[in-house]
Amino acid sequence: MARKRVRLSQRAERDLDNATMYLAGESSIDLALRFYAAAHDAFDYLIRYPEIGQRYLDAAITIPGVRRWQVRGFEKYLIFYRPDNTSIHILRILHGSRDINAHLLEDGWDEQD
């Protein structure tokens, strides 16, 4: 059986870069690098345990199959992803204080690039 792989949407790539740059500017390069590594560790964990994340259920919107998982050590950062048979599709990486629903819907939450 082929190993699952992580596929980051363009928005998720941008989210990861923006969060890393924000942490570097507001705190330190060391913290930013730890965040970046922790996010990638989370991706690897999700490959091994794709169903571990909590289903994203919200009264305002319905997003079938989407789950969320925290970045260890940076628990306010949430990874929104959708697992399938071959991949873990990372849709967004957002800070919990953001308007999650608006960000998930801004360019189509079902992006599969």
PDB file of N, CA and C in Angstrom:
ATOM      1  N   MET A   1       0.829  -1.180   0.000  1.00  0.00           N
ATOM      2  CA  MET A   1       0.000   0.000   0.000  1.00  0.00           C
ATOM      3  C   MET A   1       0.878   1.251   0.000  1.00  0.00           C
ATOM      4  N   ALA A   2       0.552   2.195  -0.849  1.00  0.00           N
ATOM      5  CA  ALA A   2       1.318   3.429  -0.945  1.00  0.00           C
ATOM      6  C   ALA A   2       1.110   4.283   0.298  1.00  0.00           C
ATOM      7  N   ARG A   3       2.135   4.972   0.688  1.00  0.00           N
ATOM      8  CA  ARG A   3       2.064   5.862   1.844  1.00  0.00           C
ATOM      9  C   ARG A   3       1.239   7.094   1.502  1.00  0.00           C
ATOM     10  N   LYS A   4       0.385   7.490   2.447  1.00  0.00           N
ATOM     11  CA  LYS A   4      -0.376   8.722   2.265  1.00  0.00           C
ATOM     12  C   LYS A   4       0.584   9.891   2.228  1.00  0.00           C
ATOM     13  N   ARG A   5       0.128  10.962   1.608  1.00  0.00           N
ATOM     14  CA  ARG A   5       0.959  12.153   1.572  1.00  0.00           C
ATOM     15  C   ARG A   5       0.129  13.365   1.974  1.00  0.00           C
ATOM     16  N   VAL A   6       0.812  14.395   2.375  1.00  0.00           N
ATOM     17  CA  VAL A   6       0.165  15.647   2.748  1.00  0.00           C
ATOM     18  C   VAL A   6       0.124  16.549   1.527  1.00  0.00           C
ATOM     19  N   ARG A   7      -1.039  17.136   1.313  1.00  0.00           N
ATOM     20  CA  ARG A   7      -1.200  18.107   0.220  1.00  0.00           C
ATOM     21  C   ARG A   7      -1.721  19.397   0.824  1.00  0.00           C
ATOM     22  N   LEU A   8      -0.925  20.436   0.793  1.00  0.00           N
ATOM     23  CA  LEU A   8      -1.333  21.735   1.317  1.00  0.00           C
ATOM     24  C   LEU A   8      -1.973  22.558   0.201  1.00  0.00           C
ATOM     25  N   SER A   9      -3.129  23.122   0.510  1.00  0.00           N
ATOM     26  CA  SER A   9      -3.739  24.062  -0.437  1.00  0.00           C
ATOM     27  C   SER A   9      -2.858  25.308  -0.508  1.00  0.00           C
ATOM     28  N   GLN A  10      -3.058  26.104  -1.516  1.00  0.00           N
ATOM     29  CA  GLN A  10      -2.306  27.352  -1.622  1.00  0.00           C
ATOM     30  C   GLN A  10      -2.561  28.237  -0.416  1.00  0.00           C
ATOM     31  N   ARG A  11      -3.805  28.264   0.040  1.00  0.00           N
ATOM     32  CA  ARG A  11      -4.143  29.071   1.229  1.00  0.00           C
ATOM     33  C   ARG A  11      -3.414  28.535   2.461  1.00  0.00           C
ATOM     34  N   ALA A  12      -3.355  27.222   2.620  1.00  0.00           N
ATOM     35  CA  ALA A  12      -2.672  26.639   3.776  1.00  0.00           C
ATOM     36  C   ALA A  12      -1.177  26.951   3.734  1.00  0.00           C
ATOM     37  N   GLU A  13      -0.569  26.890   2.560  1.00  0.00           N
ATOM     38  CA  GLU A  13       0.842  27.257   2.420  1.00  0.00           C
ATOM     39  C   GLU A  13       1.051  28.703   2.844  1.00  0.00           C
ATOM     40  N   ARG A  14       0.161  29.571   2.390  1.00  0.00           N
ATOM     41  CA  ARG A  14       0.237  30.993   2.746  1.00  0.00           C
ATOM     42  C   ARG A  14       0.003  31.186   4.253  1.00  0.00           C
ATOM     43  N   ASP A  15      -0.973  30.448   4.807  1.00  0.00           N
ATOM     44  CA  ASP A  15      -1.226  30.524   6.247  1.00  0.00           C
ATOM     45  C   ASP A  15       0.022  30.147   7.044  1.00  0.00           C
ATOM     46  N   LEU A  16       0.664  29.060   6.644  1.00  0.00           N
ATOM     47  CA  LEU A  16       1.856  28.586   7.341  1.00  0.00           C
ATOM     48  C   LEU A  16       2.976  29.622   7.254  1.00  0.00           C
ATOM     49  N   ASP A  17       3.191  30.152   6.064  1.00  0.00           N
ATOM     50  CA  ASP A  17       4.221  31.177   5.886  1.00  0.00           C
ATOM     51  C   ASP A  17       3.907  32.426   6.710  1.00  0.00           C
ATOM     52  N   ASN A  18       2.653  32.874   6.669  1.00  0.00           N
ATOM     53  CA  ASN A  18       2.271  34.087   7.398  1.00  0.00           C
ATOM     54  C   ASN A  18       2.415  33.909   8.903  1.00  0.00           C
ATOM     55  N   ALA A  19       1.992  32.768   9.423  1.00  0.00           N
ATOM     56  CA  ALA A  19       2.113  32.513  10.866  1.00  0.00           C
ATOM     57  C   ALA A  19       3.582  32.457  11.273  1.00  0.00           C
ATOM     58  N   THR A  20       4.400  31.818  10.455  1.00  0.00           N
ATOM     59  CA  THR A  20       5.830  31.717  10.754  1.00  0.00           C
ATOM     60  C   THR A  20       6.471  33.098  10.759  1.00  0.00           C
ATOM     61  N   MET A  21       6.155  33.906   9.761  1.00  0.00           N
ATOM     62  CA  MET A  21       6.714  35.258   9.678  1.00  0.00           C
ATOM     63  C   MET A  21       6.209  36.133  10.834  1.00  0.00           C
ATOM     64  N   TYR A  22       4.946  35.986  11.190  1.00  0.00           N
ATOM     65  CA  TYR A  22       4.385  36.744  12.302  1.00  0.00           C
ATOM     66  C   TYR A  22       5.127  36.416  13.595  1.00  0.00           C
ATOM     67  N   LEU A  23       5.301  35.131  13.870  1.00  0.00           N
ATOM     68  CA  LEU A  23       5.989  34.720  15.095  1.00  0.00           C
ATOM     69  C   LEU A  23       7.440  35.193  15.108  1.00  0.00           C
ATOM     70  N   ALA A  24       8.085  35.186  13.946  1.00  0.00           N
ATOM     71  CA  ALA A  24       9.464  35.667  13.856  1.00  0.00           C
ATOM     72  C   ALA A  24       9.531  37.154  14.179  1.00  0.00           C
ATOM     73  N   GLY A  25       8.569  37.908  13.653  1.00  0.00           N
ATOM     74  CA  GLY A  25       8.576  39.348  13.880  1.00  0.00           C
ATOM     75  C   GLY A  25       8.133  39.754  15.268  1.00  0.00           C
ATOM     76  N   GLU A  26       7.174  39.043  15.828  1.00  0.00           N
ATOM     77  CA  GLU A  26       6.625  39.399  17.138  1.00  0.00           C
ATOM     78  C   GLU A  26       7.378  38.785  18.300  1.00  0.00           C
ATOM     79  N   SER A  27       8.097  37.693  18.042  1.00  0.00           N
ATOM     80  CA  SER A  27       8.796  37.018  19.133  1.00  0.00           C
ATOM     81  C   SER A  27      10.255  36.774  18.755  1.00  0.00           C
ATOM     82  N   SER A  28      10.506  35.674  18.043  1.00  0.00           N
ATOM     83  CA  SER A  28      11.889  35.362  17.671  1.00  0.00           C
ATOM     84  C   SER A  28      11.916  34.387  16.502  1.00  0.00           C
ATOM     85  N   ILE A  29      13.048  34.365  15.840  1.00  0.00           N
ATOM     86  CA  ILE A  29      13.257  33.403  14.754  1.00  0.00           C
ATOM     87  C   ILE A  29      13.178  31.985  15.308  1.00  0.00           C
ATOM     88  N   ASP A  30      13.734  31.775  16.504  1.00  0.00           N
ATOM     89  CA  ASP A  30      13.711  30.450  17.120  1.00  0.00           C
ATOM     90  C   ASP A  30      12.276  29.963  17.314  1.00  0.00           C
ATOM     91  N   LEU A  31      11.403  30.825  17.834  1.00  0.00           N
ATOM     92  CA  LEU A  31      10.011  30.441  18.036  1.00  0.00           C
ATOM     93  C   LEU A  31       9.339  30.142  16.698  1.00  0.00           C
ATOM     94  N   ALA A  32       9.614  30.962  15.704  1.00  0.00           N
ATOM     95  CA  ALA A  32       9.030  30.753  14.378  1.00  0.00           C
ATOM     96  C   ALA A  32       9.465  29.417  13.788  1.00  0.00           C
ATOM     97  N   LEU A  33      10.717  29.084  13.927  1.00  0.00           N
ATOM     98  CA  LEU A  33      11.218  27.805  13.412  1.00  0.00           C
ATOM     99  C   LEU A  33      10.629  26.630  14.171  1.00  0.00           C
ATOM    100  N   ARG A  34      10.436  26.783  15.482  1.00  0.00           N
ATOM    101  CA  ARG A  34       9.790  25.724  16.258  1.00  0.00           C
ATOM    102  C   ARG A  34       8.348  25.533  15.818  1.00  0.00           C
ATOM    103  N   PHE A  35       7.645  26.641  15.542  1.00  0.00           N
ATOM    104  CA  PHE A  35       6.269  26.546  15.054  1.00  0.00           C
ATOM    105  C   PHE A  35       6.232  25.815  13.711  1.00  0.00           C
ATOM    106  N   TYR A  36       7.099  26.204  12.802  1.00  0.00           N
ATOM    107  CA  TYR A  36       7.133  25.591  11.471  1.00  0.00           C
ATOM    108  C   TYR A  36       7.384  24.084  11.586  1.00  0.00           C
ATOM    109  N   ALA A  37       8.341  23.709  12.417  1.00  0.00           N
ATOM    110  CA  ALA A  37       8.643  22.287  12.614  1.00  0.00           C
ATOM    111  C   ALA A  37       7.465  21.572  13.278  1.00  0.00           C
ATOM    112  N   ALA A  38       6.815  22.216  14.246  1.00  0.00           N
ATOM    113  CA  ALA A  38       5.673  21.602  14.932  1.00  0.00           C
ATOM    114  C   ALA A  38       4.509  21.394  13.967  1.00  0.00           C
ATOM    115  N   ALA A  39       4.304  22.320  13.057  1.00  0.00           N
ATOM    116  CA  ALA A  39       3.240  22.160  12.057  1.00  0.00           C
ATOM    117  C   ALA A  39       3.531  20.949  11.175  1.00  0.00           C
ATOM    118  N   HIS A  40       4.766  20.808  10.736  1.00  0.00           N
ATOM    119  CA  HIS A  40       5.130  19.656   9.899  1.00  0.00           C
ATOM    120  C   HIS A  40       5.064  18.346  10.679  1.00  0.00           C
ATOM    121  N   ASP A  41       5.403  18.390  11.964  1.00  0.00           N
ATOM    122  CA  ASP A  41       5.228  17.205  12.805  1.00  0.00           C
ATOM    123  C   ASP A  41       3.749  16.826  12.873  1.00  0.00           C
ATOM    124  N   ALA A  42       2.883  17.835  12.988  1.00  0.00           N
ATOM    125  CA  ALA A  42       1.439  17.577  13.018  1.00  0.00           C
ATOM    126  C   ALA A  42       0.972  16.952  11.711  1.00  0.00           C
ATOM    127  N   PHE A  43       1.490  17.416  10.591  1.00  0.00           N
ATOM    128  CA  PHE A  43       1.120  16.821   9.301  1.00  0.00           C
ATOM    129  C   PHE A  43       1.504  15.339   9.277  1.00  0.00           C
ATOM    130  N   ASP A  44       2.720  15.045   9.724  1.00  0.00           N
ATOM    131  CA  ASP A  44       3.179  13.648   9.762  1.00  0.00           C
ATOM    132  C   ASP A  44       2.294  12.801  10.670  1.00  0.00           C
ATOM    133  N   TYR A  45       1.885  13.369  11.793  1.00  0.00           N
ATOM    134  CA  TYR A  45       1.014  12.656  12.723  1.00  0.00           C
ATOM    135  C   TYR A  45      -0.337  12.378  12.065  1.00  0.00           C
ATOM    136  N   LEU A  46      -0.856  13.355  11.332  1.00  0.00           N
ATOM    137  CA  LEU A  46      -2.147  13.185  10.666  1.00  0.00           C
ATOM    138  C   LEU A  46      -2.082  12.129   9.560  1.00  0.00           C
ATOM    139  N   ILE A  47      -0.933  11.963   8.950  1.00  0.00           N
ATOM    140  CA  ILE A  47      -0.775  10.891   7.963  1.00  0.00           C
ATOM    141  C   ILE A  47      -0.971   9.546   8.645  1.00  0.00           C
ATOM    142  N   ARG A  48      -0.378   9.399   9.831  1.00  0.00           N
ATOM    143  CA  ARG A  48      -0.474   8.128  10.555  1.00  0.00           C
ATOM    144  C   ARG A  48      -1.852   7.911  11.169  1.00  0.00           C
ATOM    145  N   TYR A  49      -2.482   8.988  11.616  1.00  0.00           N
ATOM    146  CA  TYR A  49      -3.773   8.894  12.313  1.00  0.00           C
ATOM    147  C   TYR A  49      -4.763   9.903  11.721  1.00  0.00           C
ATOM    148  N   PRO A  50      -5.207   9.699  10.498  1.00  0.00           N
ATOM    149  CA  PRO A  50      -6.009  10.707   9.803  1.00  0.00           C
ATOM    150  C   PRO A  50      -7.364  11.007  10.432  1.00  0.00           C
ATOM    151  N   GLU A  51      -7.897  10.082  11.191  1.00  0.00           N
ATOM    152  CA  GLU A  51      -9.222  10.304  11.784  1.00  0.00           C
ATOM    153  C   GLU A  51      -9.145  10.883  13.193  1.00  0.00           C
ATOM    154  N   ILE A  52      -7.957  11.202  13.664  1.00  0.00           N
ATOM    155  CA  ILE A  52      -7.802  11.634  15.048  1.00  0.00           C
ATOM    156  C   ILE A  52      -8.377  13.025  15.306  1.00  0.00           C
ATOM    157  N   GLY A  53      -8.335  13.881  14.329  1.00  0.00           N
ATOM    158  CA  GLY A  53      -8.833  15.236  14.531  1.00  0.00           C
ATOM    159  C   GLY A  53     -10.335  15.274  14.753  1.00  0.00           C
ATOM    160  N   GLN A  54     -10.757  16.295  15.465  1.00  0.00           N
ATOM    161  CA  GLN A  54     -12.182  16.480  15.733  1.00  0.00           C
ATOM    162  C   GLN A  54     -12.885  16.952  14.458  1.00  0.00           C
ATOM    163  N   ARG A  55     -14.034  16.365  14.166  1.00  0.00           N
ATOM    164  CA  ARG A  55     -14.816  16.835  13.021  1.00  0.00           C
ATOM    165  C   ARG A  55     -15.156  18.300  13.235  1.00  0.00           C
ATOM    166  N   TYR A  56     -15.054  19.071  12.154  1.00  0.00           N
ATOM    167  CA  TYR A  56     -15.396  20.486  12.270  1.00  0.00           C
ATOM    168  C   TYR A  56     -16.889  20.636  12.052  1.00  0.00           C
ATOM    169  N   LEU A  57     -17.591  20.845  13.146  1.00  0.00           N
ATOM    170  CA  LEU A  57     -19.032  21.015  13.115  1.00  0.00           C
ATOM    171  C   LEU A  57     -19.348  22.399  13.648  1.00  0.00           C
ATOM    172  N   ASP A  58     -20.095  23.154  12.878  1.00  0.00           N
ATOM    173  CA  ASP A  58     -20.474  24.491  13.285  1.00  0.00           C
ATOM    174  C   ASP A  58     -21.902  24.735  12.825  1.00  0.00           C
ATOM    175  N   ALA A  59     -22.678  25.367  13.649  1.00  0.00           N
ATOM    176  CA  ALA A  59     -24.080  25.611  13.302  1.00  0.00           C
ATOM    177  C   ALA A  59     -24.220  26.517  12.086  1.00  0.00           C
ATOM    178  N   ALA A  60     -23.232  27.367  11.839  1.00  0.00           N
ATOM    179  CA  ALA A  60     -23.336  28.341  10.752  1.00  0.00           C
ATOM    180  C   ALA A  60     -23.032  27.745   9.377  1.00  0.00           C
ATOM    181  N   ILE A  61     -22.153  26.763   9.328  1.00  0.00           N
ATOM    182  CA  ILE A  61     -21.766  26.181   8.039  1.00  0.00           C
ATOM    183  C   ILE A  61     -21.601  24.674   8.181  1.00  0.00           C
ATOM    184  N   THR A  62     -21.715  23.985   7.078  1.00  0.00           N
ATOM    185  CA  THR A  62     -21.484  22.550   7.044  1.00  0.00           C
ATOM    186  C   THR A  62     -20.327  22.287   6.091  1.00  0.00           C
ATOM    187  N   ILE A  63     -19.334  21.591   6.578  1.00  0.00           N
ATOM    188  CA  ILE A  63     -18.154  21.287   5.770  1.00  0.00           C
ATOM    189  C   ILE A  63     -17.914  19.790   5.878  1.00  0.00           C
ATOM    190  N   PRO A  64     -18.495  19.020   4.980  1.00  0.00           N
ATOM    191  CA  PRO A  64     -18.380  17.559   5.071  1.00  0.00           C
ATOM    192  C   PRO A  64     -16.930  17.071   5.052  1.00  0.00           C
ATOM    193  N   GLY A  65     -16.623  16.182   5.987  1.00  0.00           N
ATOM    194  CA  GLY A  65     -15.321  15.520   5.999  1.00  0.00           C
ATOM    195  C   GLY A  65     -14.176  16.325   6.557  1.00  0.00           C
ATOM    196  N   VAL A  66     -14.399  17.570   6.926  1.00  0.00           N
ATOM    197  CA  VAL A  66     -13.291  18.397   7.408  1.00  0.00           C
ATOM    198  C   VAL A  66     -13.117  18.193   8.913  1.00  0.00           C
ATOM    199  N   ARG A  67     -11.861  18.068   9.305  1.00  0.00           N
ATOM    200  CA  ARG A  67     -11.493  17.881  10.700  1.00  0.00           C
ATOM    201  C   ARG A  67     -10.513  18.978  11.098  1.00  0.00           C
ATOM    202  N   ARG A  68     -10.314  19.108  12.395  1.00  0.00           N
ATOM    203  CA  ARG A  68      -9.327  20.085  12.870  1.00  0.00           C
ATOM    204  C   ARG A  68      -8.407  19.436  13.882  1.00  0.00           C
ATOM    205  N   TRP A  69      -7.188  19.931  13.924  1.00  0.00           N
ATOM    206  CA  TRP A  69      -6.170  19.417  14.824  1.00  0.00           C
ATOM    207  C   TRP A  69      -5.283  20.577  15.247  1.00  0.00           C
ATOM    208  N   GLN A  70      -4.830  20.557  16.477  1.00  0.00           N
ATOM    209  CA  GLN A  70      -3.972  21.614  16.987  1.00  0.00           C
ATOM    210  C   GLN A  70      -2.510  21.334  16.679  1.00  0.00           C
ATOM    211  N   VAL A  71      -1.748  22.406  16.527  1.00  0.00           N
ATOM    212  CA  VAL A  71      -0.301  22.290  16.376  1.00  0.00           C
ATOM    213  C   VAL A  71       0.276  22.172  17.782  1.00  0.00           C
ATOM    214  N   ARG A  72       0.908  21.059  18.068  1.00  0.00           N
ATOM    215  CA  ARG A  72       1.428  20.804  19.421  1.00  0.00           C
ATOM    216  C   ARG A  72       2.434  21.877  19.824  1.00  0.00           C
ATOM    217  N   GLY A  73       2.202  22.433  21.005  1.00  0.00           N
ATOM    218  CA  GLY A  73       3.055  23.514  21.495  1.00  0.00           C
ATOM    219  C   GLY A  73       2.551  24.884  21.069  1.00  0.00           C
ATOM    220  N   PHE A  74       1.640  24.896  20.123  1.00  0.00           N
ATOM    221  CA  PHE A  74       1.044  26.129  19.594  1.00  0.00           C
ATOM    222  C   PHE A  74      -0.453  25.878  19.434  1.00  0.00           C
ATOM    223  N   GLU A  75      -1.097  25.482  20.531  1.00  0.00           N
ATOM    224  CA  GLU A  75      -2.458  24.956  20.478  1.00  0.00           C
ATOM    225  C   GLU A  75      -3.499  25.925  19.951  1.00  0.00           C
ATOM    226  N   LYS A  76      -3.180  27.212  19.918  1.00  0.00           N
ATOM    227  CA  LYS A  76      -4.132  28.171  19.353  1.00  0.00           C
ATOM    228  C   LYS A  76      -4.134  28.122  17.827  1.00  0.00           C
ATOM    229  N   TYR A  77      -3.129  27.479  17.245  1.00  0.00           N
ATOM    230  CA  TYR A  77      -3.096  27.310  15.785  1.00  0.00           C
ATOM    231  C   TYR A  77      -3.774  26.003  15.431  1.00  0.00           C
ATOM    232  N   LEU A  78      -4.756  26.087  14.569  1.00  0.00           N
ATOM    233  CA  LEU A  78      -5.567  24.934  14.188  1.00  0.00           C
ATOM    234  C   LEU A  78      -5.332  24.579  12.727  1.00  0.00           C
ATOM    235  N   ILE A  79      -5.179  23.294  12.479  1.00  0.00           N
ATOM    236  CA  ILE A  79      -5.042  22.774  11.123  1.00  0.00           C
ATOM    237  C   ILE A  79      -6.408  22.225  10.722  1.00  0.00           C
ATOM    238  N   PHE A  80      -6.940  22.711   9.624  1.00  0.00           N
ATOM    239  CA  PHE A  80      -8.200  22.200   9.074  1.00  0.00           C
ATOM    240  C   PHE A  80      -7.842  21.343   7.871  1.00  0.00           C
ATOM    241  N   TYR A  81      -8.285  20.099   7.916  1.00  0.00           N
ATOM    242  CA  TYR A  81      -7.857  19.144   6.899  1.00  0.00           C
ATOM    243  C   TYR A  81      -8.986  18.185   6.548  1.00  0.00           C
ATOM    244  N   ARG A  82      -8.806  17.539   5.411  1.00  0.00           N
ATOM    245  CA  ARG A  82      -9.738  16.509   4.970  1.00  0.00           C
ATOM    246  C   ARG A  82      -8.917  15.299   4.535  1.00  0.00           C
ATOM    247  N   PRO A  83      -9.101  14.162   5.221  1.00  0.00           N
ATOM    248  CA  PRO A  83      -8.395  12.950   4.808  1.00  0.00           C
ATOM    249  C   PRO A  83      -9.160  12.217   3.715  1.00  0.00           C
ATOM    250  N   ASP A  84      -8.435  11.544   2.844  1.00  0.00           N
ATOM    251  CA  ASP A  84      -9.061  10.608   1.915  1.00  0.00           C
ATOM    252  C   ASP A  84      -8.164   9.374   1.850  1.00  0.00           C
ATOM    253  N   ASN A  85      -8.396   8.502   0.904  1.00  0.00           N
ATOM    254  CA  ASN A  85      -7.650   7.230   0.848  1.00  0.00           C
ATOM    255  C   ASN A  85      -6.175   7.390   0.535  1.00  0.00           C
ATOM    256  N   THR A  86      -5.797   8.489  -0.110  1.00  0.00           N
ATOM    257  CA  THR A  86      -4.407   8.640  -0.531  1.00  0.00           C
ATOM    258  C   THR A  86      -3.683   9.824   0.090  1.00  0.00           C
ATOM    259  N   SER A  87      -4.436  10.794   0.613  1.00  0.00           N
ATOM    260  CA  SER A  87      -3.809  12.042   1.058  1.00  0.00           C
ATOM    261  C   SER A  87      -4.508  12.636   2.268  1.00  0.00           C
ATOM    262  N   ILE A  88      -3.774  13.529   2.894  1.00  0.00           N
ATOM    263  CA  ILE A  88      -4.329  14.422   3.898  1.00  0.00           C
ATOM    264  C   ILE A  88      -4.307  15.802   3.243  1.00  0.00           C
ATOM    265  N   HIS A  89      -5.468  16.343   2.976  1.00  0.00           N
ATOM    266  CA  HIS A  89      -5.570  17.648   2.324  1.00  0.00           C
ATOM    267  C   HIS A  89      -5.662  18.721   3.409  1.00  0.00           C
ATOM    268  N   ILE A  90      -4.622  19.519   3.526  1.00  0.00           N
ATOM    269  CA  ILE A  90      -4.609  20.604   4.496  1.00  0.00           C
ATOM    270  C   ILE A  90      -5.262  21.805   3.820  1.00  0.00           C
ATOM    271  N   LEU A  91      -6.410  22.210   4.346  1.00  0.00           N
ATOM    272  CA  LEU A  91      -7.158  23.308   3.747  1.00  0.00           C
ATOM    273  C   LEU A  91      -6.697  24.663   4.273  1.00  0.00           C
ATOM    274  N   ARG A  92      -6.542  24.769   5.590  1.00  0.00           N
ATOM    275  CA  ARG A  92      -6.133  26.034   6.208  1.00  0.00           C
ATOM    276  C   ARG A  92      -5.364  25.735   7.485  1.00  0.00           C
ATOM    277  N   ILE A  93      -4.564  26.700   7.915  1.00  0.00           N
ATOM    278  CA  ILE A  93      -3.886  26.689   9.205  1.00  0.00           C
ATOM    279  C   ILE A  93      -4.163  28.057   9.804  1.00  0.00           C
ATOM    280  N   LEU A  94      -5.026  28.094  10.817  1.00  0.00           N
ATOM    281  CA  LEU A  94      -5.527  29.367  11.316  1.00  0.00           C
ATOM    282  C   LEU A  94      -5.374  29.483  12.823  1.00  0.00           C
ATOM    283  N   HIS A  95      -5.139  30.692  13.275  1.00  0.00           N
ATOM    284  CA  HIS A  95      -5.142  30.967  14.713  1.00  0.00           C
ATOM    285  C   HIS A  95      -6.589  30.939  15.183  1.00  0.00           C
ATOM    286  N   GLY A  96      -6.833  30.339  16.340  1.00  0.00           N
ATOM    287  CA  GLY A  96      -8.181  30.168  16.853  1.00  0.00           C
ATOM    288  C   GLY A  96      -8.944  31.456  17.099  1.00  0.00           C
ATOM    289  N   SER A  97      -8.251  32.583  17.201  1.00  0.00           N
ATOM    290  CA  SER A  97      -8.943  33.855  17.420  1.00  0.00           C
ATOM    291  C   SER A  97      -9.499  34.456  16.134  1.00  0.00           C
ATOM    292  N   ARG A  98      -9.158  33.878  15.011  1.00  0.00           N
ATOM    293  CA  ARG A  98      -9.631  34.377  13.712  1.00  0.00           C
ATOM    294  C   ARG A  98     -11.080  33.971  13.480  1.00  0.00           C
ATOM    295  N   ASP A  99     -11.716  34.573  12.505  1.00  0.00           N
ATOM    296  CA  ASP A  99     -13.074  34.178  12.108  1.00  0.00           C
ATOM    297  C   ASP A  99     -12.929  32.934  11.234  1.00  0.00           C
ATOM    298  N   ILE A 100     -12.940  31.784  11.884  1.00  0.00           N
ATOM    299  CA  ILE A 100     -12.665  30.508  11.217  1.00  0.00           C
ATOM    300  C   ILE A 100     -13.597  30.285  10.034  1.00  0.00           C
ATOM    301  N   ASN A 101     -14.896  30.442  10.245  1.00  0.00           N
ATOM    302  CA  ASN A 101     -15.856  30.176   9.168  1.00  0.00           C
ATOM    303  C   ASN A 101     -15.590  31.044   7.948  1.00  0.00           C
ATOM    304  N   ALA A 102     -15.345  32.315   8.159  1.00  0.00           N
ATOM    305  CA  ALA A 102     -15.090  33.212   7.033  1.00  0.00           C
ATOM    306  C   ALA A 102     -13.848  32.773   6.260  1.00  0.00           C
ATOM    307  N   HIS A 103     -12.815  32.390   6.979  1.00  0.00           N
ATOM    308  CA  HIS A 103     -11.577  31.971   6.307  1.00  0.00           C
ATOM    309  C   HIS A 103     -11.739  30.642   5.577  1.00  0.00           C
ATOM    310  N   LEU A 104     -12.487  29.725   6.166  1.00  0.00           N
ATOM    311  CA  LEU A 104     -12.685  28.439   5.492  1.00  0.00           C
ATOM    312  C   LEU A 104     -13.498  28.594   4.211  1.00  0.00           C
ATOM    313  N   LEU A 105     -14.374  29.562   4.190  1.00  0.00           N
ATOM    314  CA  LEU A 105     -15.265  29.722   3.043  1.00  0.00           C
ATOM    315  C   LEU A 105     -14.790  30.741   2.015  1.00  0.00           C
ATOM    316  N   GLU A 106     -13.733  31.485   2.299  1.00  0.00           N
ATOM    317  CA  GLU A 106     -13.397  32.626   1.448  1.00  0.00           C
ATOM    318  C   GLU A 106     -13.061  32.269  -0.003  1.00  0.00           C
ATOM    319  N   ASP A 107     -12.499  31.116  -0.247  1.00  0.00           N
ATOM    320  CA  ASP A 107     -12.253  30.772  -1.655  1.00  0.00           C
ATOM    321  C   ASP A 107     -12.633  29.325  -1.956  1.00  0.00           C
ATOM    322  N   GLY A 108     -13.558  28.806  -1.187  1.00  0.00           N
ATOM    323  CA  GLY A 108     -14.003  27.429  -1.438  1.00  0.00           C
ATOM    324  C   GLY A 108     -13.305  26.465  -0.529  1.00  0.00           C
ATOM    325  N   TRP A 109     -13.977  25.973   0.479  1.00  0.00           N
ATOM    326  CA  TRP A 109     -13.392  25.071   1.461  1.00  0.00           C
ATOM    327  C   TRP A 109     -13.093  23.704   0.886  1.00  0.00           C
ATOM    328  N   ASP A 110     -13.584  23.431  -0.293  1.00  0.00           N
ATOM    329  CA  ASP A 110     -13.350  22.098  -0.855  1.00  0.00           C
ATOM    330  C   ASP A 110     -12.186  22.083  -1.838  1.00  0.00           C
ATOM    331  N   GLU A 111     -11.296  23.050  -1.701  1.00  0.00           N
ATOM    332  CA  GLU A 111     -10.121  23.129  -2.564  1.00  0.00           C
ATOM    333  C   GLU A 111      -9.306  21.852  -2.447  1.00  0.00           C
ATOM    334  N   GLN A 112      -8.932  21.258  -3.550  1.00  0.00           N
ATOM    335  CA  GLN A 112      -8.178  20.002  -3.535  1.00  0.00           C
ATOM    336  C   GLN A 112      -6.878  20.109  -4.338  1.00  0.00           C
ATOM    337  N   ASP A 113      -6.231  21.256  -4.299  1.00  0.00           N
ATOM    338  CA  ASP A 113      -5.016  21.399  -5.117  1.00  0.00           C
ATOM    339  C   ASP A 113      -3.785  20.847  -4.455  1.00  0.00           C
TER     340      ASP A 113
END
